[in-house]
Amino acid sequence: MPTTEEKEKKGEKRMATDVITPGAEEGGNRPQPRGPTADRGGFFHLYKRGQGYWTRVGSAAAAGLIVLLTLEFLYTHLNVWLTPDNATVHQVSMAKLGTLAICGAFLLASSVLIFYLLNKPDYADFLIATDSEMKKVNWTSRRELIGSTKVVIVFMFLIASLLFVFDLFFGYLFYFMDVLKTKPL
């Protein structure tokens, strides 16, 4: 049986089986995997390793902080929820053991979920694109930043003073019109 390349050299038409099962004429009977899962090396493989490093690290750190705060909440409240009133020493120790087991299971499950989501192709591609866009940002220098901060602070005090003067003016105006019964200051 001639291969696909030999058929193309002779000018013969390709058959549907050539497209559906590439490699079938060489003796293989399974189609080769294609698409985003073809080059994945299992669950612990990093999708596009080395790209979008800082956005992935930042996202993982933020998710880790949320998990740690949730664990702290669970650890402090589960002891109260799991320990019955007038509990014996054994019941208190079992409640503590149950609390640790629940917190450990939550930590494990949330870690696996965070790893899965950060390596999911759609999310990872978004983080990679975000990282490349952040590299295009024109960051201000230290001198420009200090100058802009001074301008903002000066205008903030100027506007606060202006609003204070207007408030006093209208306060005394309404006091003299007997709308207000007490003086503003």
N, C-alpha and C. Protein backbone atom coordinates (compact mmCIF):
# COMPACT_ATOMS: atom_id res chain seq x y z
N MET A 1 0.86 -1.17 0.00
CA MET A 1 0.00 0.00 0.00
C MET A 1 0.90 1.23 0.00
N PRO A 2 0.69 2.16 -0.92
CA PRO A 2 1.54 3.35 -0.99
C PRO A 2 1.24 4.32 0.15
N THR A 3 2.27 5.03 0.60
CA THR A 3 2.10 6.01 1.67
C THR A 3 1.49 7.29 1.12
N THR A 4 1.12 8.19 2.00
CA THR A 4 0.50 9.45 1.61
C THR A 4 1.47 10.28 0.76
N GLU A 5 2.76 10.27 1.11
CA GLU A 5 3.74 11.04 0.34
C GLU A 5 3.89 10.48 -1.08
N GLU A 6 3.87 9.16 -1.20
CA GLU A 6 3.99 8.54 -2.52
C GLU A 6 2.77 8.85 -3.37
N LYS A 7 1.59 8.87 -2.77
CA LYS A 7 0.37 9.22 -3.50
C LYS A 7 0.43 10.65 -4.00
N GLU A 8 0.95 11.57 -3.13
CA GLU A 8 1.03 12.97 -3.54
C GLU A 8 2.03 13.16 -4.67
N LYS A 9 3.14 12.41 -4.66
CA LYS A 9 4.13 12.51 -5.73
C LYS A 9 3.54 12.05 -7.06
N LYS A 10 2.70 11.01 -7.03
CA LYS A 10 2.09 10.50 -8.25
C LYS A 10 0.91 11.33 -8.70
N GLY A 11 0.45 12.25 -7.84
CA GLY A 11 -0.70 13.08 -8.21
C GLY A 11 -2.02 12.44 -7.88
N GLU A 12 -2.00 11.36 -7.12
CA GLU A 12 -3.25 10.71 -6.75
C GLU A 12 -3.95 11.52 -5.68
N LYS A 13 -5.24 11.32 -5.59
CA LYS A 13 -6.02 12.01 -4.57
C LYS A 13 -5.82 11.34 -3.23
N ARG A 14 -5.92 12.17 -2.18
CA ARG A 14 -5.83 11.65 -0.83
C ARG A 14 -7.18 11.09 -0.43
N MET A 15 -7.15 10.07 0.34
CA MET A 15 -8.39 9.46 0.80
C MET A 15 -8.75 10.01 2.18
N ALA A 16 -9.99 9.83 2.58
CA ALA A 16 -10.45 10.32 3.87
C ALA A 16 -9.71 9.64 5.01
N THR A 17 -9.33 8.39 4.81
CA THR A 17 -8.61 7.68 5.88
C THR A 17 -7.22 8.25 6.09
N ASP A 18 -6.65 8.89 5.07
CA ASP A 18 -5.34 9.52 5.23
C ASP A 18 -5.43 10.69 6.21
N VAL A 19 -6.55 11.39 6.20
CA VAL A 19 -6.73 12.54 7.07
C VAL A 19 -7.18 12.10 8.45
N ILE A 20 -8.05 11.11 8.51
CA ILE A 20 -8.61 10.69 9.79
C ILE A 20 -7.57 9.96 10.63
N THR A 21 -6.86 9.04 10.04
CA THR A 21 -5.88 8.26 10.80
C THR A 21 -4.51 8.40 10.17
N PRO A 22 -3.81 9.50 10.47
CA PRO A 22 -2.46 9.61 9.92
C PRO A 22 -1.56 8.54 10.54
N GLY A 23 -0.71 7.97 9.74
CA GLY A 23 0.19 6.93 10.22
C GLY A 23 -0.39 5.54 10.12
N ALA A 24 -1.63 5.40 9.61
CA ALA A 24 -2.25 4.08 9.54
C ALA A 24 -1.57 3.22 8.49
N GLU A 25 -1.04 3.86 7.41
CA GLU A 25 -0.43 3.07 6.36
C GLU A 25 0.93 2.52 6.78
N GLU A 26 1.55 3.11 7.84
CA GLU A 26 2.81 2.60 8.32
C GLU A 26 2.62 1.46 9.31
N GLY A 27 1.43 1.03 9.54
CA GLY A 27 1.18 -0.09 10.43
C GLY A 27 0.57 0.34 11.75
N GLY A 28 0.55 1.64 12.05
CA GLY A 28 -0.08 2.11 13.28
C GLY A 28 -1.58 2.17 13.10
N ASN A 29 -2.33 1.80 14.11
CA ASN A 29 -3.77 1.84 13.97
C ASN A 29 -4.41 2.89 14.88
N ARG A 30 -3.59 3.70 15.56
CA ARG A 30 -4.15 4.71 16.43
C ARG A 30 -3.80 6.09 15.90
N PRO A 31 -4.74 7.00 15.93
CA PRO A 31 -4.41 8.36 15.50
C PRO A 31 -3.51 9.05 16.52
N GLN A 32 -2.67 9.95 16.03
CA GLN A 32 -1.77 10.70 16.90
C GLN A 32 -2.57 11.80 17.60
N PRO A 33 -2.35 12.01 18.89
CA PRO A 33 -3.09 13.07 19.59
C PRO A 33 -2.68 14.44 19.08
N ARG A 34 -3.66 15.31 18.98
CA ARG A 34 -3.43 16.68 18.53
C ARG A 34 -4.05 17.63 19.53
N GLY A 35 -3.69 18.88 19.45
CA GLY A 35 -4.31 19.89 20.30
C GLY A 35 -3.49 20.18 21.54
N PRO A 36 -4.09 20.95 22.45
CA PRO A 36 -3.34 21.39 23.63
C PRO A 36 -2.96 20.27 24.58
N THR A 37 -3.66 19.13 24.52
CA THR A 37 -3.34 18.05 25.46
C THR A 37 -2.28 17.11 24.91
N ALA A 38 -1.89 17.29 23.64
CA ALA A 38 -0.94 16.36 23.05
C ALA A 38 0.44 16.47 23.68
N ASP A 39 0.87 17.68 24.06
CA ASP A 39 2.21 17.83 24.59
C ASP A 39 2.22 17.97 26.11
N ARG A 40 1.12 17.73 26.76
CA ARG A 40 1.07 17.84 28.22
C ARG A 40 1.63 16.58 28.83
N GLY A 41 2.37 16.75 29.90
CA GLY A 41 3.04 15.61 30.50
C GLY A 41 2.39 15.16 31.79
N GLY A 42 1.12 15.27 31.95
CA GLY A 42 0.46 14.84 33.16
C GLY A 42 -0.01 16.02 33.99
N PHE A 43 -0.52 15.70 35.18
CA PHE A 43 -1.11 16.74 36.03
C PHE A 43 -0.09 17.74 36.53
N PHE A 44 1.10 17.29 36.90
CA PHE A 44 2.09 18.17 37.49
C PHE A 44 3.00 18.85 36.47
N HIS A 45 2.64 18.77 35.20
CA HIS A 45 3.39 19.45 34.15
C HIS A 45 2.97 20.91 34.11
N LEU A 46 3.94 21.82 34.03
CA LEU A 46 3.62 23.24 33.95
C LEU A 46 3.36 23.62 32.50
N TYR A 47 2.21 24.23 32.25
CA TYR A 47 1.83 24.66 30.91
C TYR A 47 2.66 25.89 30.55
N LYS A 48 3.37 25.83 29.43
CA LYS A 48 4.23 26.91 28.94
C LYS A 48 5.17 27.39 30.04
N ARG A 49 5.96 26.49 30.50
CA ARG A 49 6.91 26.73 31.60
C ARG A 49 7.82 27.91 31.26
N GLY A 50 8.02 28.78 32.23
CA GLY A 50 8.92 29.92 32.06
C GLY A 50 8.25 31.17 31.52
N GLN A 51 7.05 31.07 31.03
CA GLN A 51 6.35 32.24 30.50
C GLN A 51 5.37 32.75 31.54
N GLY A 52 5.30 34.07 31.68
CA GLY A 52 4.37 34.67 32.63
C GLY A 52 4.72 34.33 34.06
N TYR A 53 6.01 34.27 34.37
CA TYR A 53 6.45 33.79 35.67
C TYR A 53 5.92 34.66 36.81
N TRP A 54 6.10 35.98 36.71
CA TRP A 54 5.74 36.85 37.84
C TRP A 54 4.24 36.97 38.02
N THR A 55 3.47 36.92 36.94
CA THR A 55 2.02 36.95 37.12
C THR A 55 1.52 35.65 37.73
N ARG A 56 2.15 34.55 37.38
CA ARG A 56 1.77 33.27 38.00
C ARG A 56 2.15 33.25 39.47
N VAL A 57 3.34 33.75 39.78
CA VAL A 57 3.78 33.78 41.18
C VAL A 57 2.88 34.69 41.99
N GLY A 58 2.55 35.86 41.44
CA GLY A 58 1.67 36.79 42.14
C GLY A 58 0.28 36.22 42.34
N SER A 59 -0.25 35.55 41.32
CA SER A 59 -1.57 34.93 41.45
C SER A 59 -1.55 33.80 42.47
N ALA A 60 -0.49 33.01 42.45
CA ALA A 60 -0.37 31.92 43.43
C ALA A 60 -0.23 32.48 44.84
N ALA A 61 0.52 33.57 45.00
CA ALA A 61 0.68 34.17 46.32
C ALA A 61 -0.64 34.74 46.83
N ALA A 62 -1.39 35.39 45.96
CA ALA A 62 -2.68 35.93 46.37
C ALA A 62 -3.65 34.81 46.75
N ALA A 63 -3.69 33.76 45.93
CA ALA A 63 -4.56 32.62 46.25
C ALA A 63 -4.10 31.94 47.53
N GLY A 64 -2.79 31.83 47.74
CA GLY A 64 -2.27 31.25 48.97
C GLY A 64 -2.64 32.06 50.20
N LEU A 65 -2.61 33.38 50.06
CA LEU A 65 -3.01 34.24 51.17
C LEU A 65 -4.48 34.04 51.52
N ILE A 66 -5.32 33.93 50.51
CA ILE A 66 -6.74 33.68 50.74
C ILE A 66 -6.93 32.33 51.44
N VAL A 67 -6.19 31.32 51.00
CA VAL A 67 -6.28 29.99 51.62
C VAL A 67 -5.82 30.04 53.08
N LEU A 68 -4.71 30.74 53.34
CA LEU A 68 -4.21 30.83 54.72
C LEU A 68 -5.19 31.57 55.63
N LEU A 69 -5.79 32.63 55.14
CA LEU A 69 -6.77 33.34 55.95
C LEU A 69 -8.01 32.49 56.20
N THR A 70 -8.41 31.73 55.20
CA THR A 70 -9.55 30.83 55.38
C THR A 70 -9.21 29.73 56.37
N LEU A 71 -7.99 29.20 56.29
CA LEU A 71 -7.55 28.18 57.25
C LEU A 71 -7.53 28.72 58.67
N GLU A 72 -7.08 29.94 58.84
CA GLU A 72 -7.07 30.55 60.17
C GLU A 72 -8.49 30.69 60.71
N PHE A 73 -9.41 31.11 59.85
CA PHE A 73 -10.82 31.22 60.25
C PHE A 73 -11.38 29.85 60.64
N LEU A 74 -11.12 28.85 59.79
CA LEU A 74 -11.62 27.51 60.08
C LEU A 74 -11.04 26.95 61.38
N TYR A 75 -9.74 27.15 61.59
CA TYR A 75 -9.10 26.60 62.77
C TYR A 75 -9.65 27.22 64.05
N THR A 76 -9.90 28.53 64.02
CA THR A 76 -10.41 29.18 65.23
C THR A 76 -11.89 28.87 65.47
N HIS A 77 -12.67 28.70 64.42
CA HIS A 77 -14.11 28.52 64.61
C HIS A 77 -14.55 27.06 64.65
N LEU A 78 -13.82 26.17 64.00
CA LEU A 78 -14.23 24.76 64.01
C LEU A 78 -14.13 24.15 65.40
N ASN A 79 -13.14 24.58 66.19
CA ASN A 79 -13.05 24.06 67.57
C ASN A 79 -14.33 24.38 68.34
N VAL A 80 -14.83 25.58 68.16
CA VAL A 80 -16.05 25.98 68.85
C VAL A 80 -17.25 25.22 68.29
N TRP A 81 -17.30 25.07 67.00
CA TRP A 81 -18.45 24.41 66.38
C TRP A 81 -18.48 22.91 66.65
N LEU A 82 -17.31 22.29 66.71
CA LEU A 82 -17.26 20.83 66.88
C LEU A 82 -17.29 20.38 68.33
N THR A 83 -16.97 21.26 69.27
CA THR A 83 -16.93 20.88 70.68
C THR A 83 -18.30 21.10 71.31
N PRO A 84 -18.93 20.06 71.82
CA PRO A 84 -20.24 20.24 72.45
C PRO A 84 -20.11 20.93 73.82
N ASP A 85 -21.22 21.48 74.32
CA ASP A 85 -21.23 22.09 75.65
C ASP A 85 -20.96 21.00 76.69
N ASN A 86 -20.29 21.37 77.78
CA ASN A 86 -19.92 20.44 78.85
C ASN A 86 -19.17 19.22 78.30
N ALA A 87 -18.20 19.48 77.43
CA ALA A 87 -17.46 18.39 76.78
C ALA A 87 -16.41 17.82 77.72
N THR A 88 -16.16 16.55 77.53
CA THR A 88 -15.10 15.89 78.29
C THR A 88 -13.76 16.16 77.61
N VAL A 89 -12.68 15.76 78.27
CA VAL A 89 -11.34 15.96 77.71
C VAL A 89 -11.21 15.19 76.39
N HIS A 90 -11.77 14.00 76.35
CA HIS A 90 -11.72 13.18 75.14
C HIS A 90 -12.46 13.87 73.99
N GLN A 91 -13.63 14.45 74.26
CA GLN A 91 -14.39 15.13 73.22
C GLN A 91 -13.65 16.36 72.71
N VAL A 92 -12.99 17.08 73.61
CA VAL A 92 -12.22 18.26 73.20
C VAL A 92 -11.05 17.85 72.31
N SER A 93 -10.35 16.77 72.69
CA SER A 93 -9.21 16.32 71.88
C SER A 93 -9.68 15.78 70.52
N MET A 94 -10.83 15.12 70.49
CA MET A 94 -11.37 14.64 69.21
C MET A 94 -11.81 15.81 68.33
N ALA A 95 -12.36 16.85 68.96
CA ALA A 95 -12.75 18.04 68.19
C ALA A 95 -11.52 18.71 67.59
N LYS A 96 -10.43 18.77 68.37
CA LYS A 96 -9.19 19.35 67.85
C LYS A 96 -8.62 18.51 66.71
N LEU A 97 -8.68 17.19 66.87
CA LEU A 97 -8.20 16.30 65.82
C LEU A 97 -9.06 16.45 64.56
N GLY A 98 -10.38 16.55 64.74
CA GLY A 98 -11.27 16.77 63.60
C GLY A 98 -11.00 18.10 62.92
N THR A 99 -10.72 19.12 63.73
CA THR A 99 -10.40 20.44 63.17
C THR A 99 -9.13 20.37 62.33
N LEU A 100 -8.10 19.71 62.85
CA LEU A 100 -6.86 19.57 62.09
C LEU A 100 -7.07 18.77 60.81
N ALA A 101 -7.89 17.73 60.87
CA ALA A 101 -8.16 16.92 59.68
C ALA A 101 -8.89 17.73 58.62
N ILE A 102 -9.89 18.50 59.05
CA ILE A 102 -10.64 19.32 58.10
C ILE A 102 -9.74 20.40 57.49
N CYS A 103 -8.93 21.03 58.33
CA CYS A 103 -8.02 22.07 57.82
C CYS A 103 -6.98 21.48 56.86
N GLY A 104 -6.46 20.31 57.18
CA GLY A 104 -5.51 19.65 56.29
C GLY A 104 -6.13 19.27 54.96
N ALA A 105 -7.35 18.73 55.01
CA ALA A 105 -8.04 18.37 53.77
C ALA A 105 -8.34 19.62 52.93
N PHE A 106 -8.72 20.71 53.61
CA PHE A 106 -8.99 21.96 52.89
C PHE A 106 -7.72 22.49 52.25
N LEU A 107 -6.60 22.43 52.97
CA LEU A 107 -5.33 22.90 52.43
C LEU A 107 -4.91 22.08 51.22
N LEU A 108 -5.03 20.77 51.31
CA LEU A 108 -4.66 19.91 50.19
C LEU A 108 -5.56 20.16 48.98
N ALA A 109 -6.87 20.21 49.20
CA ALA A 109 -7.80 20.40 48.09
C ALA A 109 -7.62 21.78 47.45
N SER A 110 -7.44 22.81 48.25
CA SER A 110 -7.28 24.14 47.68
C SER A 110 -5.94 24.28 46.95
N SER A 111 -4.89 23.62 47.44
CA SER A 111 -3.60 23.65 46.75
C SER A 111 -3.69 22.99 45.38
N VAL A 112 -4.34 21.85 45.33
CA VAL A 112 -4.51 21.15 44.05
C VAL A 112 -5.36 22.01 43.10
N LEU A 113 -6.41 22.63 43.61
CA LEU A 113 -7.28 23.47 42.78
C LEU A 113 -6.51 24.68 42.25
N ILE A 114 -5.71 25.32 43.09
CA ILE A 114 -4.93 26.49 42.65
C ILE A 114 -3.93 26.07 41.58
N PHE A 115 -3.22 24.96 41.80
CA PHE A 115 -2.27 24.48 40.80
C PHE A 115 -2.97 24.17 39.49
N TYR A 116 -4.12 23.52 39.56
CA TYR A 116 -4.87 23.17 38.35
C TYR A 116 -5.30 24.43 37.60
N LEU A 117 -5.85 25.40 38.33
CA LEU A 117 -6.34 26.61 37.67
C LEU A 117 -5.21 27.44 37.08
N LEU A 118 -4.09 27.54 37.77
CA LEU A 118 -2.99 28.34 37.25
C LEU A 118 -2.31 27.68 36.05
N ASN A 119 -2.50 26.38 35.86
CA ASN A 119 -1.93 25.69 34.71
C ASN A 119 -2.95 25.34 33.64
N LYS A 120 -4.19 25.72 33.84
CA LYS A 120 -5.21 25.51 32.81
C LYS A 120 -4.85 26.41 31.63
N PRO A 121 -4.86 25.87 30.41
CA PRO A 121 -4.36 26.65 29.28
C PRO A 121 -5.02 28.03 29.11
N ASP A 122 -6.33 28.13 29.29
CA ASP A 122 -6.97 29.43 29.12
C ASP A 122 -6.48 30.43 30.16
N TYR A 123 -6.42 30.03 31.41
CA TYR A 123 -5.98 30.94 32.47
C TYR A 123 -4.49 31.25 32.34
N ALA A 124 -3.69 30.23 32.04
CA ALA A 124 -2.24 30.44 31.90
C ALA A 124 -1.95 31.38 30.74
N ASP A 125 -2.66 31.21 29.63
CA ASP A 125 -2.46 32.12 28.50
C ASP A 125 -2.84 33.55 28.86
N PHE A 126 -3.89 33.71 29.66
CA PHE A 126 -4.26 35.06 30.12
C PHE A 126 -3.16 35.65 30.99
N LEU A 127 -2.61 34.86 31.91
CA LEU A 127 -1.54 35.35 32.78
C LEU A 127 -0.28 35.67 31.97
N ILE A 128 0.01 34.87 30.97
CA ILE A 128 1.17 35.12 30.11
C ILE A 128 0.97 36.41 29.33
N ALA A 129 -0.24 36.61 28.79
CA ALA A 129 -0.53 37.85 28.06
C ALA A 129 -0.47 39.06 28.99
N THR A 130 -0.94 38.90 30.22
CA THR A 130 -0.86 40.00 31.19
C THR A 130 0.59 40.34 31.48
N ASP A 131 1.42 39.34 31.64
CA ASP A 131 2.84 39.57 31.90
C ASP A 131 3.50 40.31 30.73
N SER A 132 3.17 39.91 29.51
CA SER A 132 3.78 40.58 28.35
C SER A 132 3.28 42.01 28.22
N GLU A 133 2.02 42.28 28.59
CA GLU A 133 1.51 43.65 28.55
C GLU A 133 2.16 44.51 29.62
N MET A 134 2.42 43.92 30.80
CA MET A 134 3.05 44.68 31.88
C MET A 134 4.48 45.06 31.52
N LYS A 135 5.12 44.29 30.67
CA LYS A 135 6.48 44.63 30.23
C LYS A 135 6.47 45.82 29.28
N LYS A 136 5.32 46.09 28.66
CA LYS A 136 5.22 47.22 27.74
C LYS A 136 4.89 48.53 28.44
N VAL A 137 4.56 48.47 29.72
CA VAL A 137 4.17 49.67 30.46
C VAL A 137 5.38 50.57 30.65
N ASN A 138 5.18 51.87 30.45
CA ASN A 138 6.24 52.85 30.67
C ASN A 138 6.13 53.33 32.10
N TRP A 139 6.97 52.78 32.99
CA TRP A 139 6.91 53.12 34.40
C TRP A 139 7.58 54.46 34.65
N THR A 140 7.00 55.24 35.56
CA THR A 140 7.57 56.55 35.87
C THR A 140 8.84 56.40 36.70
N SER A 141 9.68 57.43 36.61
CA SER A 141 10.90 57.42 37.41
C SER A 141 10.57 57.86 38.84
N ARG A 142 11.52 57.70 39.72
CA ARG A 142 11.33 58.07 41.12
C ARG A 142 11.09 59.58 41.24
N ARG A 143 11.82 60.36 40.48
CA ARG A 143 11.69 61.81 40.53
C ARG A 143 10.30 62.25 40.07
N GLU A 144 9.81 61.69 38.96
CA GLU A 144 8.47 62.02 38.47
C GLU A 144 7.40 61.62 39.47
N LEU A 145 7.59 60.47 40.11
CA LEU A 145 6.61 59.98 41.08
C LEU A 145 6.54 60.90 42.30
N ILE A 146 7.68 61.34 42.80
CA ILE A 146 7.69 62.24 43.95
C ILE A 146 7.06 63.58 43.59
N GLY A 147 7.38 64.12 42.40
CA GLY A 147 6.78 65.38 41.96
C GLY A 147 5.27 65.28 41.82
N SER A 148 4.78 64.21 41.22
CA SER A 148 3.34 64.02 41.06
C SER A 148 2.64 63.86 42.41
N THR A 149 3.28 63.16 43.34
CA THR A 149 2.70 62.98 44.67
C THR A 149 2.59 64.32 45.39
N LYS A 150 3.60 65.17 45.26
CA LYS A 150 3.55 66.50 45.89
C LYS A 150 2.40 67.32 45.32
N VAL A 151 2.21 67.28 44.00
CA VAL A 151 1.12 68.03 43.37
C VAL A 151 -0.23 67.53 43.89
N VAL A 152 -0.41 66.23 44.00
CA VAL A 152 -1.67 65.67 44.48
C VAL A 152 -1.93 66.09 45.91
N ILE A 153 -0.91 66.05 46.77
CA ILE A 153 -1.09 66.42 48.18
C ILE A 153 -1.43 67.90 48.32
N VAL A 154 -0.75 68.76 47.55
CA VAL A 154 -1.04 70.20 47.62
C VAL A 154 -2.47 70.47 47.18
N PHE A 155 -2.90 69.89 46.07
CA PHE A 155 -4.27 70.12 45.59
C PHE A 155 -5.30 69.53 46.54
N MET A 156 -4.99 68.44 47.21
CA MET A 156 -5.92 67.86 48.17
C MET A 156 -6.16 68.83 49.33
N PHE A 157 -5.08 69.44 49.87
CA PHE A 157 -5.25 70.42 50.94
C PHE A 157 -5.94 71.68 50.45
N LEU A 158 -5.66 72.08 49.22
CA LEU A 158 -6.32 73.27 48.66
C LEU A 158 -7.82 73.04 48.53
N ILE A 159 -8.22 71.90 48.01
CA ILE A 159 -9.65 71.61 47.84
C ILE A 159 -10.32 71.43 49.19
N ALA A 160 -9.63 70.80 50.16
CA ALA A 160 -10.21 70.64 51.50
C ALA A 160 -10.42 72.01 52.15
N SER A 161 -9.46 72.92 51.98
CA SER A 161 -9.62 74.27 52.54
C SER A 161 -10.77 75.00 51.87
N LEU A 162 -10.87 74.87 50.56
CA LEU A 162 -11.96 75.54 49.83
C LEU A 162 -13.32 75.00 50.26
N LEU A 163 -13.43 73.70 50.42
CA LEU A 163 -14.70 73.12 50.88
C LEU A 163 -15.03 73.55 52.31
N PHE A 164 -14.02 73.68 53.16
CA PHE A 164 -14.23 74.15 54.53
C PHE A 164 -14.78 75.58 54.52
N VAL A 165 -14.20 76.44 53.69
CA VAL A 165 -14.66 77.84 53.61
C VAL A 165 -16.09 77.89 53.09
N PHE A 166 -16.41 77.13 52.06
CA PHE A 166 -17.80 77.11 51.54
C PHE A 166 -18.76 76.58 52.60
N ASP A 167 -18.35 75.56 53.35
CA ASP A 167 -19.20 75.02 54.41
C ASP A 167 -19.47 76.07 55.49
N LEU A 168 -18.45 76.80 55.87
CA LEU A 168 -18.64 77.88 56.85
C LEU A 168 -19.57 78.97 56.30
N PHE A 169 -19.34 79.35 55.06
CA PHE A 169 -20.16 80.40 54.45
C PHE A 169 -21.64 80.02 54.44
N PHE A 170 -21.92 78.81 53.94
CA PHE A 170 -23.32 78.39 53.88
C PHE A 170 -23.90 78.11 55.27
N GLY A 171 -23.06 77.65 56.19
CA GLY A 171 -23.52 77.43 57.57
C GLY A 171 -23.97 78.73 58.20
N TYR A 172 -23.15 79.81 58.08
CA TYR A 172 -23.55 81.10 58.64
C TYR A 172 -24.71 81.71 57.87
N LEU A 173 -24.76 81.51 56.56
CA LEU A 173 -25.89 82.03 55.77
C LEU A 173 -27.20 81.41 56.25
N PHE A 174 -27.21 80.09 56.45
CA PHE A 174 -28.43 79.44 56.91
C PHE A 174 -28.73 79.75 58.38
N TYR A 175 -27.68 80.07 59.16
CA TYR A 175 -27.91 80.47 60.55
C TYR A 175 -28.60 81.83 60.60
N PHE A 176 -28.14 82.77 59.76
CA PHE A 176 -28.75 84.10 59.75
C PHE A 176 -30.13 84.09 59.11
N MET A 177 -30.43 83.09 58.28
CA MET A 177 -31.77 82.96 57.70
C MET A 177 -32.68 82.16 58.63
N ASP A 178 -32.23 81.79 59.81
CA ASP A 178 -32.94 81.01 60.81
C ASP A 178 -33.33 79.61 60.33
N VAL A 179 -32.58 79.08 59.40
CA VAL A 179 -32.77 77.68 59.02
C VAL A 179 -32.06 76.79 60.02
N LEU A 180 -30.83 77.17 60.43
CA LEU A 180 -30.08 76.47 61.48
C LEU A 180 -30.28 77.20 62.80
N LYS A 181 -30.38 76.46 63.89
CA LYS A 181 -30.60 77.06 65.20
C LYS A 181 -29.30 77.32 65.95
N THR A 182 -28.19 76.66 65.53
CA THR A 182 -26.90 76.87 66.19
C THR A 182 -25.89 77.35 65.17
N LYS A 183 -24.88 78.09 65.67
CA LYS A 183 -23.82 78.57 64.80
C LYS A 183 -22.96 77.39 64.34
N PRO A 184 -22.39 77.50 63.13
CA PRO A 184 -21.56 76.41 62.62
C PRO A 184 -20.31 76.16 63.46
N LEU A 185 -19.67 77.21 64.00
CA LEU A 185 -18.47 77.03 64.84
C LEU A 185 -18.72 77.53 66.23
